[in-house]
PDB file of N, CA and C in Angstrom:
ATOM      1  N   UNK A   1      15.611 -52.438 -61.485  1.00  0.00           N
ATOM      2  CA  UNK A   1      16.917 -52.043 -61.014  1.00  0.00           C
ATOM      3  C   UNK A   1      17.131 -50.535 -61.194  1.00  0.00           C
ATOM      4  N   UNK A   2      16.604 -49.972 -62.291  1.00  0.00           N
ATOM      5  CA  UNK A   2      16.737 -48.536 -62.518  1.00  0.00           C
ATOM      6  C   UNK A   2      16.065 -47.735 -61.413  1.00  0.00           C
ATOM      7  N   UNK A   3      14.952 -48.267 -60.927  1.00  0.00           N
ATOM      8  CA  UNK A   3      14.214 -47.560 -59.887  1.00  0.00           C
ATOM      9  C   UNK A   3      15.070 -47.412 -58.634  1.00  0.00           C
ATOM     10  N   UNK A   4      15.749 -48.461 -58.239  1.00  0.00           N
ATOM     11  CA  UNK A   4      16.574 -48.394 -57.033  1.00  0.00           C
ATOM     12  C   UNK A   4      17.770 -47.471 -57.227  1.00  0.00           C
ATOM     13  N   UNK A   5      18.361 -47.484 -58.397  1.00  0.00           N
ATOM     14  CA  UNK A   5      19.494 -46.601 -58.659  1.00  0.00           C
ATOM     15  C   UNK A   5      19.063 -45.134 -58.581  1.00  0.00           C
ATOM     16  N   UNK A   6      17.941 -44.806 -59.161  1.00  0.00           N
ATOM     17  CA  UNK A   6      17.453 -43.428 -59.118  1.00  0.00           C
ATOM     18  C   UNK A   6      17.101 -42.992 -57.713  1.00  0.00           C
ATOM     19  N   UNK A   7      16.497 -43.875 -56.936  1.00  0.00           N
ATOM     20  CA  UNK A   7      16.150 -43.540 -55.558  1.00  0.00           C
ATOM     21  C   UNK A   7      17.392 -43.348 -54.703  1.00  0.00           C
ATOM     22  N   UNK A   8      18.384 -44.208 -54.883  1.00  0.00           N
ATOM     23  CA  UNK A   8      19.631 -44.087 -54.117  1.00  0.00           C
ATOM     24  C   UNK A   8      20.340 -42.783 -54.463  1.00  0.00           C
ATOM     25  N   UNK A   9      20.410 -42.445 -55.733  1.00  0.00           N
ATOM     26  CA  UNK A   9      21.060 -41.207 -56.146  1.00  0.00           C
ATOM     27  C   UNK A   9      20.326 -40.001 -55.569  1.00  0.00           C
ATOM     28  N   UNK A  10      19.009 -40.020 -55.614  1.00  0.00           N
ATOM     29  CA  UNK A  10      18.233 -38.918 -55.059  1.00  0.00           C
ATOM     30  C   UNK A  10      18.453 -38.743 -53.560  1.00  0.00           C
ATOM     31  N   UNK A  11      18.479 -39.845 -52.832  1.00  0.00           N
ATOM     32  CA  UNK A  11      18.699 -39.775 -51.381  1.00  0.00           C
ATOM     33  C   UNK A  11      20.118 -39.291 -51.076  1.00  0.00           C
ATOM     34  N   UNK A  12      21.091 -39.742 -51.836  1.00  0.00           N
ATOM     35  CA  UNK A  12      22.473 -39.286 -51.630  1.00  0.00           C
ATOM     36  C   UNK A  12      22.576 -37.782 -51.863  1.00  0.00           C
ATOM     37  N   UNK A  13      21.956 -37.276 -52.923  1.00  0.00           N
ATOM     38  CA  UNK A  13      21.972 -35.832 -53.171  1.00  0.00           C
ATOM     39  C   UNK A  13      21.333 -35.054 -52.021  1.00  0.00           C
ATOM     40  N   UNK A  14      20.254 -35.582 -51.476  1.00  0.00           N
ATOM     41  CA  UNK A  14      19.586 -34.881 -50.375  1.00  0.00           C
ATOM     42  C   UNK A  14      20.458 -34.896 -49.117  1.00  0.00           C
ATOM     43  N   UNK A  15      21.157 -36.000 -48.844  1.00  0.00           N
ATOM     44  CA  UNK A  15      22.072 -36.020 -47.706  1.00  0.00           C
ATOM     45  C   UNK A  15      23.215 -35.034 -47.896  1.00  0.00           C
ATOM     46  N   UNK A  16      23.754 -34.947 -49.100  1.00  0.00           N
ATOM     47  CA  UNK A  16      24.815 -33.977 -49.370  1.00  0.00           C
ATOM     48  C   UNK A  16      24.275 -32.557 -49.218  1.00  0.00           C
ATOM     49  N   UNK A  17      23.030 -32.335 -49.628  1.00  0.00           N
ATOM     50  CA  UNK A  17      22.418 -31.010 -49.482  1.00  0.00           C
ATOM     51  C   UNK A  17      22.289 -30.630 -48.011  1.00  0.00           C
ATOM     52  N   UNK A  18      21.903 -31.585 -47.151  1.00  0.00           N
ATOM     53  CA  UNK A  18      21.822 -31.290 -45.725  1.00  0.00           C
ATOM     54  C   UNK A  18      23.192 -30.902 -45.175  1.00  0.00           C
ATOM     55  N   UNK A  19      24.235 -31.563 -45.647  1.00  0.00           N
ATOM     56  CA  UNK A  19      25.586 -31.192 -45.238  1.00  0.00           C
ATOM     57  C   UNK A  19      25.941 -29.784 -45.684  1.00  0.00           C
ATOM     58  N   UNK A  20      25.534 -29.410 -46.886  1.00  0.00           N
ATOM     59  CA  UNK A  20      25.805 -28.060 -47.384  1.00  0.00           C
ATOM     60  C   UNK A  20      25.029 -27.026 -46.577  1.00  0.00           C
ATOM     61  N   UNK A  21      23.780 -27.317 -46.244  1.00  0.00           N
ATOM     62  CA  UNK A  21      23.002 -26.397 -45.413  1.00  0.00           C
ATOM     63  C   UNK A  21      23.628 -26.252 -44.025  1.00  0.00           C
ATOM     64  N   UNK A  22      24.126 -27.344 -43.471  1.00  0.00           N
ATOM     65  CA  UNK A  22      24.765 -27.287 -42.159  1.00  0.00           C
ATOM     66  C   UNK A  22      26.046 -26.459 -42.214  1.00  0.00           C
ATOM     67  N   UNK A  23      26.835 -26.618 -43.268  1.00  0.00           N
ATOM     68  CA  UNK A  23      28.032 -25.814 -43.430  1.00  0.00           C
ATOM     69  C   UNK A  23      27.672 -24.345 -43.593  1.00  0.00           C
ATOM     70  N   UNK A  24      26.619 -24.058 -44.343  1.00  0.00           N
ATOM     71  CA  UNK A  24      26.157 -22.683 -44.490  1.00  0.00           C
ATOM     72  C   UNK A  24      25.703 -22.089 -43.166  1.00  0.00           C
ATOM     73  N   UNK A  25      25.036 -22.896 -42.351  1.00  0.00           N
ATOM     74  CA  UNK A  25      24.592 -22.425 -41.046  1.00  0.00           C
ATOM     75  C   UNK A  25      25.788 -22.075 -40.156  1.00  0.00           C
ATOM     76  N   UNK A  26      26.828 -22.906 -40.207  1.00  0.00           N
ATOM     77  CA  UNK A  26      28.030 -22.611 -39.428  1.00  0.00           C
ATOM     78  C   UNK A  26      28.719 -21.350 -39.943  1.00  0.00           C
ATOM     79  N   UNK A  27      28.669 -21.135 -41.240  1.00  0.00           N
ATOM     80  CA  UNK A  27      29.232 -19.907 -41.806  1.00  0.00           C
ATOM     81  C   UNK A  27      28.494 -18.672 -41.320  1.00  0.00           C
ATOM     82  N   UNK A  28      27.159 -18.737 -41.317  1.00  0.00           N
ATOM     83  CA  UNK A  28      26.369 -17.603 -40.823  1.00  0.00           C
ATOM     84  C   UNK A  28      26.664 -17.342 -39.358  1.00  0.00           C
ATOM     85  N   UNK A  29      26.718 -18.420 -38.553  1.00  0.00           N
ATOM     86  CA  UNK A  29      26.947 -18.264 -37.118  1.00  0.00           C
ATOM     87  C   UNK A  29      28.340 -17.723 -36.804  1.00  0.00           C
ATOM     88  N   UNK A  30      29.314 -18.013 -37.652  1.00  0.00           N
ATOM     89  CA  UNK A  30      30.681 -17.558 -37.425  1.00  0.00           C
ATOM     90  C   UNK A  30      30.930 -16.152 -37.937  1.00  0.00           C
ATOM     91  N   UNK A  31      29.941 -15.553 -38.565  1.00  0.00           N
ATOM     92  CA  UNK A  31      30.090 -14.198 -39.076  1.00  0.00           C
ATOM     93  C   UNK A  31      30.583 -14.116 -40.508  1.00  0.00           C
ATOM     94  N   UNK A  32      30.683 -15.251 -41.170  1.00  0.00           N
ATOM     95  CA  UNK A  32      31.105 -15.277 -42.573  1.00  0.00           C
ATOM     96  C   UNK A  32      29.858 -15.398 -43.448  1.00  0.00           C
ATOM     97  N   UNK A  33      29.223 -14.258 -43.683  1.00  0.00           N
ATOM     98  CA  UNK A  33      27.954 -14.282 -44.407  1.00  0.00           C
ATOM     99  C   UNK A  33      28.119 -14.738 -45.845  1.00  0.00           C
ATOM    100  N   UNK A  34      29.297 -14.495 -46.451  1.00  0.00           N
ATOM    101  CA  UNK A  34      29.498 -14.948 -47.825  1.00  0.00           C
ATOM    102  C   UNK A  34      29.529 -16.471 -47.908  1.00  0.00           C
ATOM    103  N   UNK A  35      30.195 -17.118 -46.961  1.00  0.00           N
ATOM    104  CA  UNK A  35      30.208 -18.585 -46.944  1.00  0.00           C
ATOM    105  C   UNK A  35      28.816 -19.132 -46.645  1.00  0.00           C
ATOM    106  N   UNK A  36      28.125 -18.481 -45.709  1.00  0.00           N
ATOM    107  CA  UNK A  36      26.765 -18.917 -45.400  1.00  0.00           C
ATOM    108  C   UNK A  36      25.855 -18.828 -46.600  1.00  0.00           C
ATOM    109  N   UNK A  37      25.972 -17.725 -47.337  1.00  0.00           N
ATOM    110  CA  UNK A  37      25.125 -17.536 -48.519  1.00  0.00           C
ATOM    111  C   UNK A  37      25.403 -18.587 -49.577  1.00  0.00           C
ATOM    112  N   UNK A  38      26.670 -18.772 -49.938  1.00  0.00           N
ATOM    113  CA  UNK A  38      26.978 -19.660 -51.056  1.00  0.00           C
ATOM    114  C   UNK A  38      26.751 -21.127 -50.704  1.00  0.00           C
ATOM    115  N   UNK A  39      27.012 -21.535 -49.451  1.00  0.00           N
ATOM    116  CA  UNK A  39      26.704 -22.916 -49.080  1.00  0.00           C
ATOM    117  C   UNK A  39      25.209 -23.154 -49.039  1.00  0.00           C
ATOM    118  N   UNK A  40      24.443 -22.128 -48.704  1.00  0.00           N
ATOM    119  CA  UNK A  40      22.984 -22.244 -48.748  1.00  0.00           C
ATOM    120  C   UNK A  40      22.499 -22.365 -50.192  1.00  0.00           C
ATOM    121  N   UNK A  41      23.088 -21.603 -51.096  1.00  0.00           N
ATOM    122  CA  UNK A  41      22.738 -21.704 -52.519  1.00  0.00           C
ATOM    123  C   UNK A  41      23.078 -23.099 -53.046  1.00  0.00           C
ATOM    124  N   UNK A  42      24.267 -23.590 -52.701  1.00  0.00           N
ATOM    125  CA  UNK A  42      24.668 -24.931 -53.142  1.00  0.00           C
ATOM    126  C   UNK A  42      23.711 -25.982 -52.572  1.00  0.00           C
ATOM    127  N   UNK A  43      23.339 -25.833 -51.293  1.00  0.00           N
ATOM    128  CA  UNK A  43      22.389 -26.759 -50.688  1.00  0.00           C
ATOM    129  C   UNK A  43      21.047 -26.736 -51.393  1.00  0.00           C
ATOM    130  N   UNK A  44      20.592 -25.555 -51.801  1.00  0.00           N
ATOM    131  CA  UNK A  44      19.330 -25.446 -52.530  1.00  0.00           C
ATOM    132  C   UNK A  44      19.383 -26.141 -53.878  1.00  0.00           C
ATOM    133  N   UNK A  45      20.482 -25.954 -54.584  1.00  0.00           N
ATOM    134  CA  UNK A  45      20.638 -26.602 -55.890  1.00  0.00           C
ATOM    135  C   UNK A  45      20.688 -28.120 -55.733  1.00  0.00           C
ATOM    136  N   UNK A  46      21.411 -28.602 -54.722  1.00  0.00           N
ATOM    137  CA  UNK A  46      21.478 -30.047 -54.488  1.00  0.00           C
ATOM    138  C   UNK A  46      20.125 -30.618 -54.062  1.00  0.00           C
ATOM    139  N   UNK A  47      19.357 -29.839 -53.311  1.00  0.00           N
ATOM    140  CA  UNK A  47      18.020 -30.294 -52.920  1.00  0.00           C
ATOM    141  C   UNK A  47      17.122 -30.429 -54.145  1.00  0.00           C
ATOM    142  N   UNK A  48      17.186 -29.454 -55.032  1.00  0.00           N
ATOM    143  CA  UNK A  48      16.399 -29.529 -56.274  1.00  0.00           C
ATOM    144  C   UNK A  48      16.819 -30.747 -57.093  1.00  0.00           C
ATOM    145  N   UNK A  49      18.131 -30.986 -57.182  1.00  0.00           N
ATOM    146  CA  UNK A  49      18.621 -32.143 -57.939  1.00  0.00           C
ATOM    147  C   UNK A  49      18.159 -33.456 -57.298  1.00  0.00           C
ATOM    148  N   UNK A  50      18.210 -33.524 -55.971  1.00  0.00           N
ATOM    149  CA  UNK A  50      17.789 -34.745 -55.278  1.00  0.00           C
ATOM    150  C   UNK A  50      16.318 -35.041 -55.471  1.00  0.00           C
ATOM    151  N   UNK A  51      15.475 -34.014 -55.287  1.00  0.00           N
ATOM    152  CA  UNK A  51      14.038 -34.226 -55.490  1.00  0.00           C
ATOM    153  C   UNK A  51      13.726 -34.470 -56.964  1.00  0.00           C
ATOM    154  N   UNK A  52      14.482 -33.858 -57.856  1.00  0.00           N
ATOM    155  CA  UNK A  52      14.300 -34.127 -59.281  1.00  0.00           C
ATOM    156  C   UNK A  52      14.596 -35.576 -59.618  1.00  0.00           C
ATOM    157  N   UNK A  53      15.654 -36.120 -59.009  1.00  0.00           N
ATOM    158  CA  UNK A  53      15.983 -37.537 -59.237  1.00  0.00           C
ATOM    159  C   UNK A  53      14.902 -38.444 -58.672  1.00  0.00           C
ATOM    160  N   UNK A  54      14.399 -38.122 -57.483  1.00  0.00           N
ATOM    161  CA  UNK A  54      13.356 -38.959 -56.882  1.00  0.00           C
ATOM    162  C   UNK A  54      12.054 -38.901 -57.676  1.00  0.00           C
ATOM    163  N   UNK A  55      11.627 -37.705 -58.023  1.00  0.00           N
ATOM    164  CA  UNK A  55      10.368 -37.552 -58.768  1.00  0.00           C
ATOM    165  C   UNK A  55      10.513 -38.097 -60.184  1.00  0.00           C
ATOM    166  N   UNK A  56      11.628 -37.833 -60.823  1.00  0.00           N
ATOM    167  CA  UNK A  56      11.858 -38.358 -62.171  1.00  0.00           C
ATOM    168  C   UNK A  56      11.892 -39.875 -62.201  1.00  0.00           C
ATOM    169  N   UNK A  57      12.512 -40.468 -61.187  1.00  0.00           N
ATOM    170  CA  UNK A  57      12.529 -41.929 -61.100  1.00  0.00           C
ATOM    171  C   UNK A  57      11.125 -42.469 -60.921  1.00  0.00           C
ATOM    172  N   UNK A  58      10.354 -41.822 -60.057  1.00  0.00           N
ATOM    173  CA  UNK A  58       8.983 -42.272 -59.818  1.00  0.00           C
ATOM    174  C   UNK A  58       8.145 -42.166 -61.087  1.00  0.00           C
ATOM    175  N   UNK A  59       8.277 -41.067 -61.810  1.00  0.00           N
ATOM    176  CA  UNK A  59       7.486 -40.870 -63.035  1.00  0.00           C
ATOM    177  C   UNK A  59       7.870 -41.886 -64.106  1.00  0.00           C
ATOM    178  N   UNK A  60       9.165 -42.103 -64.284  1.00  0.00           N
ATOM    179  CA  UNK A  60       9.619 -42.940 -65.392  1.00  0.00           C
ATOM    180  C   UNK A  60       9.591 -44.441 -65.102  1.00  0.00           C
ATOM    181  N   UNK A  61       9.288 -44.821 -63.881  1.00  0.00           N
ATOM    182  CA  UNK A  61       9.198 -46.248 -63.599  1.00  0.00           C
ATOM    183  C   UNK A  61       7.754 -46.707 -63.402  1.00  0.00           C
ATOM    184  N   UNK A  62       6.789 -45.823 -63.576  1.00  0.00           N
ATOM    185  CA  UNK A  62       5.387 -46.191 -63.453  1.00  0.00           C
ATOM    186  C   UNK A  62       4.947 -46.957 -64.705  1.00  0.00           C
ATOM    187  N   UNK A  63       4.039 -47.874 -64.506  1.00  0.00           N
ATOM    188  CA  UNK A  63       3.493 -48.628 -65.644  1.00  0.00           C
ATOM    189  C   UNK A  63       2.649 -47.683 -66.485  1.00  0.00           C
ATOM    190  N   UNK A  64       2.780 -47.833 -67.781  1.00  0.00           N
ATOM    191  CA  UNK A  64       2.022 -46.976 -68.680  1.00  0.00           C
ATOM    192  C   UNK A  64       0.591 -47.493 -68.790  1.00  0.00           C
ATOM    193  N   UNK A  65      -0.379 -46.600 -68.623  1.00  0.00           N
ATOM    194  CA  UNK A  65      -1.765 -47.017 -68.650  1.00  0.00           C
ATOM    195  C   UNK A  65      -2.405 -46.973 -70.033  1.00  0.00           C
ATOM    196  N   UNK A  66      -1.770 -46.345 -71.011  1.00  0.00           N
ATOM    197  CA  UNK A  66      -2.392 -46.165 -72.319  1.00  0.00           C
ATOM    198  C   UNK A  66      -1.909 -47.176 -73.345  1.00  0.00           C
ATOM    199  N   UNK A  67      -1.217 -48.192 -72.931  1.00  0.00           N
ATOM    200  CA  UNK A  67      -0.736 -49.181 -73.912  1.00  0.00           C
ATOM    201  C   UNK A  67      -1.738 -50.254 -74.186  1.00  0.00           C
TER     202      UNK A  67
END
């Protein structure tokens, strides 16, 4: 059950990150470079968090081979 929770959380973070990148892109296109920059930074942080959740879940749910 922990594996599914971690995967769902990771995917949700990545979807939110795509939304932040899209908002940043609209900011750049509208001439608001400050909004574009900060939404891109937020999207990057959320992407790192999402992949961290996915990779961490994968690592911590693997069967231990040294037992």
